[in-house]
């Protein structure tokens, strides 16, 4: 599954950017940052609501925000297919996951660069997706950190051993030279920003990434 991140798109032409990967991408990854949980400010609920009307691509909303218990369900109500929030910002992740599902979306749990994944493995039955950051959350265009794939391997072992229905997503520096290693480590869903929207032909870039991930 390839989920191009509109964080790397032209913010003045988001609908056009979505259209450029419609038919080639599986999801559209929407990075929501609030200048509190991370030191950057991107887009919020009104943009998601407007963009939802402009594309048929399922939205994979990644909330890098404080207080996800308050805000996350609104993204589900806005039509997001999957809403992922950060473990570091949540006091009761399982309760938020339940609220997201009740509001109509799938639920994802994100683990940032410096957070060990082991403490959250037992929560995975409550979720549909685990997002493992392969950079520090908050800014696009950072260099991929290969050592963080150890978290992906640990999560994949846990998922396979427990026979869980869970996607493992990686986000950060995913490109043509890194996606195969992510897939080999056990990821099956890949967020790519600059590698897609920085390319001359975003749809072709998605197809190349998919081929490389498939081996």
N, C-alpha and C. Protein backbone atom coordinates (compact mmCIF):
# COMPACT_ATOMS: atom_id res chain seq x y z
N UNK A 1 0.84 -1.19 0.00
CA UNK A 1 0.00 0.00 0.00
C UNK A 1 0.89 1.25 0.00
N UNK A 2 0.65 2.12 -0.95
CA UNK A 2 1.42 3.36 -1.05
C UNK A 2 0.50 4.53 -0.72
N UNK A 3 0.95 5.37 0.23
CA UNK A 3 0.15 6.51 0.69
C UNK A 3 0.97 7.79 0.52
N UNK A 4 0.87 8.46 -0.63
CA UNK A 4 1.62 9.71 -0.82
C UNK A 4 1.19 10.77 0.20
N UNK A 5 2.16 11.48 0.73
CA UNK A 5 1.90 12.50 1.74
C UNK A 5 1.78 13.88 1.12
N UNK A 6 0.63 14.51 1.35
CA UNK A 6 0.44 15.85 0.78
C UNK A 6 1.25 16.90 1.50
N UNK A 7 1.97 16.51 2.55
CA UNK A 7 2.89 17.46 3.19
C UNK A 7 3.92 17.95 2.18
N UNK A 8 4.23 17.11 1.19
CA UNK A 8 5.23 17.47 0.19
C UNK A 8 4.61 18.06 -1.07
N UNK A 9 3.29 18.20 -1.08
CA UNK A 9 2.61 18.74 -2.25
C UNK A 9 2.57 20.27 -2.18
N UNK A 10 2.12 20.87 -3.26
CA UNK A 10 1.93 22.33 -3.32
C UNK A 10 0.63 22.65 -2.57
N UNK A 11 0.74 23.35 -1.45
CA UNK A 11 -0.44 23.61 -0.63
C UNK A 11 -1.46 24.50 -1.35
N UNK A 12 -1.05 25.19 -2.40
CA UNK A 12 -1.99 26.00 -3.16
C UNK A 12 -2.75 25.17 -4.19
N UNK A 13 -2.33 23.90 -4.36
CA UNK A 13 -2.93 23.06 -5.39
C UNK A 13 -3.17 21.64 -4.85
N UNK A 14 -3.72 21.54 -3.66
CA UNK A 14 -3.87 20.23 -3.04
C UNK A 14 -4.81 19.32 -3.83
N UNK A 15 -5.90 19.87 -4.35
CA UNK A 15 -6.83 19.04 -5.13
C UNK A 15 -6.14 18.50 -6.38
N UNK A 16 -5.34 19.33 -7.03
CA UNK A 16 -4.59 18.88 -8.22
C UNK A 16 -3.58 17.81 -7.85
N UNK A 17 -2.94 17.98 -6.69
CA UNK A 17 -1.95 16.99 -6.25
C UNK A 17 -2.62 15.65 -5.96
N UNK A 18 -3.79 15.70 -5.35
CA UNK A 18 -4.53 14.46 -5.11
C UNK A 18 -4.91 13.80 -6.43
N UNK A 19 -5.35 14.61 -7.38
CA UNK A 19 -5.74 14.07 -8.68
C UNK A 19 -4.56 13.42 -9.40
N UNK A 20 -3.36 13.93 -9.15
CA UNK A 20 -2.17 13.42 -9.84
C UNK A 20 -1.83 11.99 -9.43
N UNK A 21 -2.29 11.56 -8.25
CA UNK A 21 -1.98 10.20 -7.79
C UNK A 21 -3.23 9.33 -7.68
N UNK A 22 -4.38 9.90 -8.03
CA UNK A 22 -5.61 9.10 -8.01
C UNK A 22 -5.52 8.04 -9.11
N UNK A 23 -5.77 6.81 -8.73
CA UNK A 23 -5.63 5.72 -9.69
C UNK A 23 -4.32 4.97 -9.57
N UNK A 24 -3.33 5.59 -8.92
CA UNK A 24 -2.05 4.90 -8.71
C UNK A 24 -1.80 4.65 -7.22
N UNK A 25 -2.15 5.61 -6.38
CA UNK A 25 -1.95 5.46 -4.93
C UNK A 25 -3.11 4.69 -4.30
N UNK A 26 -2.85 4.11 -3.12
CA UNK A 26 -3.91 3.43 -2.38
C UNK A 26 -4.64 4.39 -1.46
N UNK A 27 -3.87 5.21 -0.76
CA UNK A 27 -4.42 6.18 0.19
C UNK A 27 -3.75 7.53 -0.08
N UNK A 28 -4.33 8.59 0.45
CA UNK A 28 -3.69 9.90 0.50
C UNK A 28 -3.37 10.18 1.96
N UNK A 29 -2.09 10.35 2.26
CA UNK A 29 -1.65 10.57 3.63
C UNK A 29 -1.72 12.07 3.94
N UNK A 30 -2.43 12.40 5.00
CA UNK A 30 -2.67 13.80 5.35
C UNK A 30 -2.03 14.07 6.71
N UNK A 31 -0.98 14.86 6.71
CA UNK A 31 -0.24 15.17 7.93
C UNK A 31 -0.83 16.41 8.61
N UNK A 32 -1.38 16.22 9.79
CA UNK A 32 -1.97 17.30 10.57
C UNK A 32 -1.04 17.62 11.73
N UNK A 33 -0.52 18.83 11.76
CA UNK A 33 0.40 19.26 12.82
C UNK A 33 -0.12 20.54 13.46
N UNK A 34 0.00 20.63 14.78
CA UNK A 34 -0.69 21.70 15.50
C UNK A 34 0.21 22.74 16.17
N UNK A 35 1.52 22.63 15.98
CA UNK A 35 2.47 23.57 16.58
C UNK A 35 2.54 23.43 18.10
N UNK A 36 1.97 22.35 18.63
CA UNK A 36 2.06 22.06 20.06
C UNK A 36 2.75 20.72 20.28
N UNK A 37 2.18 19.68 19.73
CA UNK A 37 2.80 18.36 19.85
C UNK A 37 4.09 18.30 19.05
N UNK A 38 4.10 18.94 17.89
CA UNK A 38 5.31 19.08 17.07
C UNK A 38 5.50 20.56 16.75
N UNK A 39 6.75 20.99 16.50
CA UNK A 39 7.02 22.41 16.27
C UNK A 39 6.78 22.83 14.82
N UNK A 40 5.64 22.47 14.29
CA UNK A 40 5.29 22.84 12.93
C UNK A 40 3.78 22.92 12.84
N UNK A 41 3.30 23.71 11.90
CA UNK A 41 1.87 23.91 11.71
C UNK A 41 1.55 23.63 10.25
N UNK A 42 0.62 22.70 10.01
CA UNK A 42 0.31 22.38 8.61
C UNK A 42 -1.17 22.66 8.34
N UNK A 43 -1.96 21.62 8.18
CA UNK A 43 -3.37 21.80 7.85
C UNK A 43 -4.23 21.18 8.94
N UNK A 44 -5.49 21.54 8.95
CA UNK A 44 -6.39 21.03 9.97
C UNK A 44 -7.70 20.55 9.39
N UNK A 45 -8.69 20.46 10.22
CA UNK A 45 -9.96 19.87 9.86
C UNK A 45 -10.66 20.55 8.68
N UNK A 46 -10.70 21.89 8.59
CA UNK A 46 -11.41 22.51 7.45
C UNK A 46 -10.81 22.12 6.10
N UNK A 47 -9.49 22.00 6.04
CA UNK A 47 -8.85 21.61 4.77
C UNK A 47 -9.18 20.16 4.45
N UNK A 48 -9.17 19.30 5.47
CA UNK A 48 -9.52 17.90 5.25
C UNK A 48 -10.96 17.79 4.76
N UNK A 49 -11.87 18.54 5.35
CA UNK A 49 -13.27 18.51 4.92
C UNK A 49 -13.43 18.97 3.48
N UNK A 50 -12.69 20.00 3.09
CA UNK A 50 -12.78 20.51 1.72
C UNK A 50 -12.15 19.55 0.73
N UNK A 51 -10.99 19.02 1.09
CA UNK A 51 -10.28 18.13 0.18
C UNK A 51 -11.01 16.80 0.01
N UNK A 52 -11.75 16.42 1.03
CA UNK A 52 -12.51 15.16 0.96
C UNK A 52 -13.47 15.18 -0.22
N UNK A 53 -13.97 16.36 -0.57
CA UNK A 53 -14.93 16.50 -1.68
C UNK A 53 -14.24 16.47 -3.04
N UNK A 54 -12.91 16.56 -3.04
CA UNK A 54 -12.19 16.74 -4.30
C UNK A 54 -11.51 15.47 -4.82
N UNK A 55 -11.57 14.38 -4.06
CA UNK A 55 -10.89 13.15 -4.49
C UNK A 55 -11.62 11.93 -3.93
N UNK A 56 -11.48 10.83 -4.65
CA UNK A 56 -12.06 9.57 -4.16
C UNK A 56 -11.04 8.76 -3.37
N UNK A 57 -9.79 9.21 -3.28
CA UNK A 57 -8.77 8.48 -2.54
C UNK A 57 -9.13 8.41 -1.05
N UNK A 58 -8.99 7.26 -0.42
CA UNK A 58 -9.18 7.18 1.03
C UNK A 58 -8.14 8.03 1.75
N UNK A 59 -8.56 8.72 2.79
CA UNK A 59 -7.66 9.58 3.55
C UNK A 59 -7.05 8.79 4.71
N UNK A 60 -5.74 8.88 4.80
CA UNK A 60 -4.96 8.31 5.90
C UNK A 60 -4.46 9.50 6.71
N UNK A 61 -5.24 9.92 7.70
CA UNK A 61 -4.91 11.14 8.45
C UNK A 61 -3.96 10.81 9.60
N UNK A 62 -2.84 11.49 9.63
CA UNK A 62 -1.81 11.29 10.65
C UNK A 62 -1.79 12.53 11.54
N UNK A 63 -2.34 12.38 12.73
CA UNK A 63 -2.50 13.51 13.63
C UNK A 63 -1.29 13.65 14.55
N UNK A 64 -0.45 14.62 14.26
CA UNK A 64 0.67 14.97 15.13
C UNK A 64 0.22 16.15 15.97
N UNK A 65 -0.71 15.84 16.90
CA UNK A 65 -1.39 16.90 17.65
C UNK A 65 -1.49 16.51 19.12
N UNK A 66 -1.61 17.54 19.96
CA UNK A 66 -1.92 17.33 21.37
C UNK A 66 -3.41 17.04 21.51
N UNK A 67 -3.77 16.34 22.55
CA UNK A 67 -5.15 16.04 22.89
C UNK A 67 -5.93 15.34 21.76
N UNK A 68 -5.42 14.21 21.27
CA UNK A 68 -6.15 13.50 20.22
C UNK A 68 -7.50 12.97 20.67
N UNK A 69 -7.68 12.74 21.97
CA UNK A 69 -8.98 12.27 22.44
C UNK A 69 -10.07 13.27 22.09
N UNK A 70 -9.73 14.54 22.08
CA UNK A 70 -10.71 15.59 21.76
C UNK A 70 -10.92 15.74 20.26
N UNK A 71 -9.85 15.69 19.49
CA UNK A 71 -9.92 16.08 18.09
C UNK A 71 -10.02 14.92 17.10
N UNK A 72 -9.44 13.78 17.43
CA UNK A 72 -9.34 12.70 16.44
C UNK A 72 -10.69 12.26 15.87
N UNK A 73 -11.72 12.07 16.70
CA UNK A 73 -12.99 11.60 16.13
C UNK A 73 -13.58 12.53 15.07
N UNK A 74 -13.24 13.82 15.14
CA UNK A 74 -13.78 14.75 14.15
C UNK A 74 -13.23 14.47 12.75
N UNK A 75 -12.00 13.94 12.68
CA UNK A 75 -11.44 13.58 11.38
C UNK A 75 -12.12 12.34 10.84
N UNK A 76 -12.50 11.43 11.72
CA UNK A 76 -13.28 10.28 11.29
C UNK A 76 -14.64 10.74 10.75
N UNK A 77 -15.27 11.66 11.46
CA UNK A 77 -16.57 12.17 11.03
C UNK A 77 -16.47 12.95 9.72
N UNK A 78 -15.29 13.49 9.43
CA UNK A 78 -15.07 14.23 8.19
C UNK A 78 -14.86 13.31 6.99
N UNK A 79 -14.81 12.00 7.25
CA UNK A 79 -14.71 11.06 6.15
C UNK A 79 -13.37 10.39 5.98
N UNK A 80 -12.47 10.54 6.96
CA UNK A 80 -11.18 9.86 6.86
C UNK A 80 -11.38 8.35 6.93
N UNK A 81 -10.63 7.62 6.11
CA UNK A 81 -10.69 6.16 6.15
C UNK A 81 -9.95 5.62 7.36
N UNK A 82 -8.79 6.22 7.64
CA UNK A 82 -7.98 5.84 8.79
C UNK A 82 -7.51 7.10 9.50
N UNK A 83 -7.58 7.09 10.82
CA UNK A 83 -7.08 8.22 11.61
C UNK A 83 -6.05 7.67 12.59
N UNK A 84 -4.82 8.17 12.46
CA UNK A 84 -3.72 7.74 13.33
C UNK A 84 -3.33 8.88 14.25
N UNK A 85 -3.17 8.56 15.52
CA UNK A 85 -2.73 9.55 16.50
C UNK A 85 -1.49 9.01 17.21
N UNK A 86 -0.77 9.89 17.91
CA UNK A 86 0.49 9.49 18.51
C UNK A 86 0.30 8.95 19.93
N UNK A 87 0.97 7.84 20.18
CA UNK A 87 0.95 7.23 21.51
C UNK A 87 1.44 8.22 22.55
N UNK A 88 2.41 9.04 22.18
CA UNK A 88 3.02 9.96 23.13
C UNK A 88 2.05 11.06 23.58
N UNK A 89 0.98 11.28 22.81
CA UNK A 89 0.02 12.34 23.12
C UNK A 89 -1.24 11.82 23.79
N UNK A 90 -1.31 10.50 23.99
CA UNK A 90 -2.55 9.90 24.46
C UNK A 90 -2.39 9.28 25.84
N UNK A 91 -3.37 9.50 26.70
CA UNK A 91 -3.36 8.86 28.02
C UNK A 91 -4.08 7.50 27.98
N UNK A 92 -5.03 7.34 27.07
CA UNK A 92 -5.77 6.08 26.94
C UNK A 92 -5.95 5.77 25.46
N UNK A 93 -4.91 5.23 24.81
CA UNK A 93 -4.99 4.99 23.36
C UNK A 93 -6.15 4.08 22.96
N UNK A 94 -6.41 3.05 23.74
CA UNK A 94 -7.47 2.11 23.38
C UNK A 94 -8.84 2.79 23.36
N UNK A 95 -9.06 3.71 24.27
CA UNK A 95 -10.34 4.43 24.31
C UNK A 95 -10.50 5.32 23.07
N UNK A 96 -9.42 5.96 22.65
CA UNK A 96 -9.49 6.79 21.44
C UNK A 96 -9.76 5.92 20.23
N UNK A 97 -9.12 4.75 20.16
CA UNK A 97 -9.35 3.84 19.04
C UNK A 97 -10.83 3.44 18.98
N UNK A 98 -11.41 3.18 20.12
CA UNK A 98 -12.83 2.81 20.18
C UNK A 98 -13.70 3.95 19.67
N UNK A 99 -13.36 5.18 20.07
CA UNK A 99 -14.13 6.34 19.62
C UNK A 99 -13.99 6.55 18.11
N UNK A 100 -12.80 6.32 17.58
CA UNK A 100 -12.59 6.48 16.14
C UNK A 100 -13.43 5.48 15.36
N UNK A 101 -13.42 4.25 15.81
CA UNK A 101 -14.23 3.25 15.11
C UNK A 101 -15.71 3.57 15.20
N UNK A 102 -16.14 4.06 16.35
CA UNK A 102 -17.55 4.44 16.50
C UNK A 102 -17.91 5.61 15.58
N UNK A 103 -16.92 6.46 15.29
CA UNK A 103 -17.15 7.62 14.43
C UNK A 103 -17.02 7.29 12.95
N UNK A 104 -16.63 6.06 12.64
CA UNK A 104 -16.66 5.63 11.25
C UNK A 104 -15.34 5.40 10.55
N UNK A 105 -14.23 5.52 11.27
CA UNK A 105 -12.93 5.30 10.62
C UNK A 105 -12.21 4.11 11.25
N UNK A 106 -11.13 3.74 10.61
CA UNK A 106 -10.20 2.81 11.23
C UNK A 106 -9.29 3.60 12.17
N UNK A 107 -8.63 2.87 13.07
CA UNK A 107 -7.81 3.53 14.09
C UNK A 107 -6.35 3.12 13.95
N UNK A 108 -5.48 4.12 13.98
CA UNK A 108 -4.05 3.87 13.90
C UNK A 108 -3.31 4.46 15.09
N UNK A 109 -2.23 3.79 15.49
CA UNK A 109 -1.38 4.26 16.58
C UNK A 109 0.00 4.56 16.02
N UNK A 110 0.51 5.76 16.27
CA UNK A 110 1.82 6.17 15.78
C UNK A 110 2.85 6.16 16.90
N UNK A 111 4.05 5.72 16.57
CA UNK A 111 5.17 5.66 17.49
C UNK A 111 6.28 6.54 16.94
N UNK A 112 6.68 7.56 17.68
CA UNK A 112 7.69 8.49 17.19
C UNK A 112 9.11 7.91 17.33
N UNK A 113 10.04 8.63 16.77
CA UNK A 113 11.43 8.16 16.65
C UNK A 113 12.02 7.67 17.96
N UNK A 114 11.81 8.40 19.06
CA UNK A 114 12.50 8.09 20.31
C UNK A 114 11.67 7.23 21.27
N UNK A 115 10.54 6.74 20.81
CA UNK A 115 9.65 5.94 21.66
C UNK A 115 9.83 4.46 21.37
N UNK A 116 10.16 3.65 22.38
CA UNK A 116 10.23 2.20 22.16
C UNK A 116 8.84 1.64 21.83
N UNK A 117 8.80 0.70 20.92
CA UNK A 117 7.52 0.14 20.51
C UNK A 117 7.01 -0.93 21.48
N UNK A 118 7.92 -1.52 22.24
CA UNK A 118 7.54 -2.68 23.06
C UNK A 118 6.42 -2.37 24.05
N UNK A 119 6.39 -1.17 24.59
CA UNK A 119 5.37 -0.83 25.58
C UNK A 119 3.96 -0.74 25.02
N UNK A 120 3.84 -0.76 23.68
CA UNK A 120 2.53 -0.60 23.06
C UNK A 120 2.07 -1.84 22.30
N UNK A 121 2.87 -2.87 22.27
CA UNK A 121 2.51 -4.05 21.49
C UNK A 121 1.23 -4.71 21.99
N UNK A 122 1.02 -4.70 23.29
CA UNK A 122 -0.18 -5.35 23.83
C UNK A 122 -1.46 -4.58 23.50
N UNK A 123 -1.33 -3.33 23.05
CA UNK A 123 -2.50 -2.54 22.68
C UNK A 123 -2.95 -2.79 21.24
N UNK A 124 -2.13 -3.47 20.48
CA UNK A 124 -2.38 -3.55 19.03
C UNK A 124 -3.70 -4.21 18.65
N UNK A 125 -4.25 -5.14 19.44
CA UNK A 125 -5.56 -5.68 19.05
C UNK A 125 -6.66 -4.62 18.97
N UNK A 126 -6.46 -3.46 19.58
CA UNK A 126 -7.44 -2.38 19.53
C UNK A 126 -7.33 -1.55 18.25
N UNK A 127 -6.29 -1.80 17.46
CA UNK A 127 -5.98 -0.93 16.32
C UNK A 127 -6.01 -1.68 15.00
N UNK A 128 -6.13 -0.90 13.93
CA UNK A 128 -6.10 -1.42 12.57
C UNK A 128 -4.75 -1.17 11.90
N UNK A 129 -3.97 -0.24 12.47
CA UNK A 129 -2.71 0.15 11.85
C UNK A 129 -1.73 0.62 12.93
N UNK A 130 -0.47 0.28 12.74
CA UNK A 130 0.61 0.79 13.57
C UNK A 130 1.55 1.57 12.66
N UNK A 131 1.72 2.85 12.97
CA UNK A 131 2.61 3.71 12.19
C UNK A 131 3.92 3.90 12.95
N UNK A 132 5.00 3.48 12.34
CA UNK A 132 6.32 3.64 12.96
C UNK A 132 7.08 4.71 12.19
N UNK A 133 7.42 5.78 12.90
CA UNK A 133 8.16 6.87 12.28
C UNK A 133 9.61 6.43 12.03
N UNK A 134 10.09 6.71 10.83
CA UNK A 134 11.49 6.43 10.51
C UNK A 134 12.28 7.73 10.41
N UNK A 135 11.71 8.78 11.01
CA UNK A 135 12.35 10.08 11.25
C UNK A 135 11.74 10.60 12.56
N UNK A 136 12.09 11.82 12.93
CA UNK A 136 11.43 12.51 14.04
C UNK A 136 10.18 13.20 13.49
N UNK A 137 9.04 12.94 14.08
CA UNK A 137 7.79 13.54 13.61
C UNK A 137 7.86 15.06 13.66
N UNK A 138 7.30 15.71 12.62
CA UNK A 138 7.16 17.16 12.66
C UNK A 138 7.56 17.90 11.41
N UNK A 139 8.41 17.32 10.59
CA UNK A 139 8.86 18.00 9.38
C UNK A 139 9.06 16.99 8.27
N UNK A 140 8.71 17.37 7.05
CA UNK A 140 8.99 16.54 5.89
C UNK A 140 10.41 16.73 5.42
N UNK A 141 10.85 15.84 4.54
CA UNK A 141 12.16 15.99 3.90
C UNK A 141 13.34 15.55 4.73
N UNK A 142 13.12 14.88 5.87
CA UNK A 142 14.24 14.42 6.69
C UNK A 142 14.84 13.13 6.14
N UNK A 143 16.07 12.86 6.55
CA UNK A 143 16.76 11.66 6.11
C UNK A 143 16.25 10.44 6.87
N UNK A 144 16.06 9.36 6.15
CA UNK A 144 15.62 8.08 6.69
C UNK A 144 16.63 7.55 7.71
N UNK A 145 16.12 6.98 8.82
CA UNK A 145 16.99 6.44 9.88
C UNK A 145 16.85 4.92 9.88
N UNK A 146 17.80 4.19 9.29
CA UNK A 146 17.66 2.73 9.13
C UNK A 146 17.49 1.99 10.44
N UNK A 147 18.11 2.49 11.51
CA UNK A 147 18.05 1.77 12.79
C UNK A 147 16.62 1.63 13.32
N UNK A 148 15.73 2.52 12.89
CA UNK A 148 14.36 2.47 13.37
C UNK A 148 13.57 1.30 12.78
N UNK A 149 14.14 0.66 11.79
CA UNK A 149 13.49 -0.54 11.24
C UNK A 149 13.48 -1.69 12.24
N UNK A 150 14.32 -1.61 13.27
CA UNK A 150 14.26 -2.63 14.33
C UNK A 150 12.87 -2.64 14.98
N UNK A 151 12.25 -1.46 15.09
CA UNK A 151 10.89 -1.40 15.64
C UNK A 151 9.90 -2.10 14.71
N UNK A 152 10.10 -1.92 13.42
CA UNK A 152 9.22 -2.57 12.44
C UNK A 152 9.35 -4.09 12.57
N UNK A 153 10.57 -4.57 12.71
CA UNK A 153 10.79 -6.02 12.84
C UNK A 153 10.13 -6.56 14.11
N UNK A 154 10.26 -5.82 15.21
CA UNK A 154 9.65 -6.25 16.46
C UNK A 154 8.13 -6.28 16.34
N UNK A 155 7.58 -5.26 15.71
CA UNK A 155 6.13 -5.21 15.54
C UNK A 155 5.65 -6.32 14.63
N UNK A 156 6.38 -6.59 13.55
CA UNK A 156 5.98 -7.65 12.62
C UNK A 156 6.00 -9.01 13.31
N UNK A 157 7.01 -9.26 14.12
CA UNK A 157 7.05 -10.54 14.85
C UNK A 157 5.83 -10.67 15.77
N UNK A 158 5.49 -9.58 16.44
CA UNK A 158 4.36 -9.61 17.36
C UNK A 158 3.04 -9.82 16.61
N UNK A 159 2.88 -9.12 15.51
CA UNK A 159 1.65 -9.24 14.72
C UNK A 159 1.50 -10.65 14.18
N UNK A 160 2.59 -11.18 13.63
CA UNK A 160 2.52 -12.52 13.04
C UNK A 160 2.29 -13.59 14.10
N UNK A 161 2.95 -13.46 15.24
CA UNK A 161 2.79 -14.44 16.32
C UNK A 161 1.37 -14.42 16.87
N UNK A 162 0.80 -13.21 16.97
CA UNK A 162 -0.54 -13.08 17.53
C UNK A 162 -1.66 -13.19 16.52
N UNK A 163 -1.27 -13.37 15.23
CA UNK A 163 -2.25 -13.49 14.15
C UNK A 163 -3.19 -12.29 14.13
N UNK A 164 -2.61 -11.09 14.28
CA UNK A 164 -3.40 -9.88 14.32
C UNK A 164 -3.68 -9.36 12.91
N UNK A 165 -4.86 -8.76 12.73
CA UNK A 165 -5.20 -8.09 11.48
C UNK A 165 -4.76 -6.63 11.64
N UNK A 166 -3.55 -6.33 11.23
CA UNK A 166 -2.99 -5.00 11.47
C UNK A 166 -2.01 -4.64 10.36
N UNK A 167 -2.16 -3.45 9.82
CA UNK A 167 -1.18 -2.95 8.85
C UNK A 167 -0.03 -2.30 9.62
N UNK A 168 1.18 -2.44 9.10
CA UNK A 168 2.35 -1.78 9.68
C UNK A 168 2.85 -0.76 8.65
N UNK A 169 2.76 0.51 9.03
CA UNK A 169 3.07 1.61 8.13
C UNK A 169 4.37 2.28 8.57
N UNK A 170 5.16 2.71 7.60
CA UNK A 170 6.37 3.48 7.90
C UNK A 170 6.25 4.85 7.24
N UNK A 171 6.80 5.84 7.92
CA UNK A 171 6.66 7.23 7.48
C UNK A 171 7.95 7.97 7.82
N UNK A 172 8.60 8.52 6.78
CA UNK A 172 9.78 9.34 6.99
C UNK A 172 10.94 8.91 6.14
N UNK A 173 11.25 9.68 5.12
CA UNK A 173 12.39 9.36 4.26
C UNK A 173 12.19 8.15 3.39
N UNK A 174 10.94 7.73 3.21
CA UNK A 174 10.67 6.56 2.35
C UNK A 174 10.80 7.00 0.89
N UNK A 175 11.68 6.33 0.17
CA UNK A 175 11.97 6.69 -1.21
C UNK A 175 12.44 5.44 -1.95
N UNK A 176 12.85 5.62 -3.19
CA UNK A 176 13.24 4.47 -4.01
C UNK A 176 14.43 3.71 -3.41
N UNK A 177 15.29 4.40 -2.68
CA UNK A 177 16.49 3.74 -2.14
C UNK A 177 16.27 3.19 -0.73
N UNK A 178 15.07 3.38 -0.15
CA UNK A 178 14.83 2.91 1.22
C UNK A 178 13.62 1.99 1.34
N UNK A 179 12.71 2.02 0.38
CA UNK A 179 11.43 1.32 0.55
C UNK A 179 11.60 -0.19 0.60
N UNK A 180 12.56 -0.73 -0.14
CA UNK A 180 12.75 -2.19 -0.12
C UNK A 180 13.17 -2.66 1.27
N UNK A 181 14.04 -1.91 1.93
CA UNK A 181 14.47 -2.28 3.28
C UNK A 181 13.29 -2.23 4.26
N UNK A 182 12.39 -1.25 4.07
CA UNK A 182 11.21 -1.16 4.92
C UNK A 182 10.32 -2.38 4.73
N UNK A 183 10.14 -2.78 3.49
CA UNK A 183 9.31 -3.95 3.21
C UNK A 183 9.94 -5.22 3.76
N UNK A 184 11.24 -5.33 3.61
CA UNK A 184 11.94 -6.51 4.11
C UNK A 184 11.83 -6.61 5.64
N UNK A 185 11.79 -5.45 6.31
CA UNK A 185 11.67 -5.44 7.77
C UNK A 185 10.28 -5.83 8.24
N UNK A 186 9.29 -5.75 7.33
CA UNK A 186 7.95 -6.17 7.70
C UNK A 186 6.86 -5.14 7.51
N UNK A 187 7.19 -3.97 6.99
CA UNK A 187 6.16 -2.97 6.71
C UNK A 187 5.37 -3.37 5.47
N UNK A 188 4.10 -3.00 5.45
CA UNK A 188 3.28 -3.28 4.27
C UNK A 188 2.56 -2.04 3.75
N UNK A 189 2.76 -0.91 4.41
CA UNK A 189 2.13 0.35 4.02
C UNK A 189 3.19 1.44 4.12
N UNK A 190 3.29 2.26 3.08
CA UNK A 190 4.44 3.16 2.95
C UNK A 190 3.99 4.58 2.65
N UNK A 191 4.38 5.51 3.52
CA UNK A 191 4.11 6.93 3.31
C UNK A 191 5.31 7.52 2.59
N UNK A 192 5.06 8.19 1.48
CA UNK A 192 6.14 8.82 0.73
C UNK A 192 5.70 10.21 0.31
N UNK A 193 6.47 11.21 0.70
CA UNK A 193 6.13 12.58 0.37
C UNK A 193 6.92 13.12 -0.80
N UNK A 194 8.15 13.53 -0.52
CA UNK A 194 9.00 14.12 -1.56
C UNK A 194 9.24 13.15 -2.70
N UNK A 195 9.34 11.86 -2.40
CA UNK A 195 9.60 10.85 -3.44
C UNK A 195 8.47 10.80 -4.46
N UNK A 196 7.27 11.22 -4.05
CA UNK A 196 6.13 11.22 -4.98
C UNK A 196 5.88 12.62 -5.53
N UNK A 197 5.63 13.57 -4.65
CA UNK A 197 5.23 14.90 -5.11
C UNK A 197 6.42 15.76 -5.55
N UNK A 198 7.62 15.28 -5.28
CA UNK A 198 8.80 15.97 -5.81
C UNK A 198 9.21 15.43 -7.16
N UNK A 199 8.50 14.39 -7.63
CA UNK A 199 8.82 13.78 -8.91
C UNK A 199 8.08 14.49 -10.04
N UNK A 200 8.62 14.41 -11.23
CA UNK A 200 7.99 15.03 -12.39
C UNK A 200 6.64 14.39 -12.69
N UNK A 201 6.56 13.08 -12.47
CA UNK A 201 5.33 12.34 -12.70
C UNK A 201 4.98 11.59 -11.41
N UNK A 202 4.14 12.18 -10.55
CA UNK A 202 3.85 11.54 -9.26
C UNK A 202 3.24 10.14 -9.40
N UNK A 203 2.39 9.93 -10.36
CA UNK A 203 1.77 8.61 -10.53
C UNK A 203 2.81 7.56 -10.88
N UNK A 204 3.73 7.92 -11.75
CA UNK A 204 4.80 6.99 -12.11
C UNK A 204 5.70 6.71 -10.91
N UNK A 205 5.92 7.73 -10.09
CA UNK A 205 6.73 7.53 -8.88
C UNK A 205 6.06 6.54 -7.94
N UNK A 206 4.74 6.63 -7.80
CA UNK A 206 4.00 5.67 -6.96
C UNK A 206 4.18 4.26 -7.49
N UNK A 207 4.08 4.10 -8.81
CA UNK A 207 4.22 2.77 -9.41
C UNK A 207 5.63 2.21 -9.20
N UNK A 208 6.63 3.06 -9.29
CA UNK A 208 8.02 2.58 -9.05
C UNK A 208 8.20 2.16 -7.60
N UNK A 209 7.68 2.94 -6.68
CA UNK A 209 7.78 2.59 -5.26
C UNK A 209 7.08 1.27 -4.97
N UNK A 210 5.93 1.06 -5.55
CA UNK A 210 5.19 -0.19 -5.33
C UNK A 210 5.99 -1.39 -5.84
N UNK A 211 6.58 -1.22 -7.02
CA UNK A 211 7.38 -2.31 -7.59
C UNK A 211 8.58 -2.64 -6.72
N UNK A 212 9.23 -1.61 -6.19
CA UNK A 212 10.40 -1.83 -5.34
C UNK A 212 10.01 -2.48 -4.02
N UNK A 213 8.87 -2.09 -3.47
CA UNK A 213 8.41 -2.68 -2.21
C UNK A 213 7.99 -4.14 -2.40
N UNK A 214 7.50 -4.44 -3.59
CA UNK A 214 7.03 -5.79 -3.87
C UNK A 214 8.17 -6.76 -4.16
N UNK A 215 9.37 -6.20 -4.36
CA UNK A 215 10.54 -7.03 -4.60
C UNK A 215 10.63 -7.51 -6.02
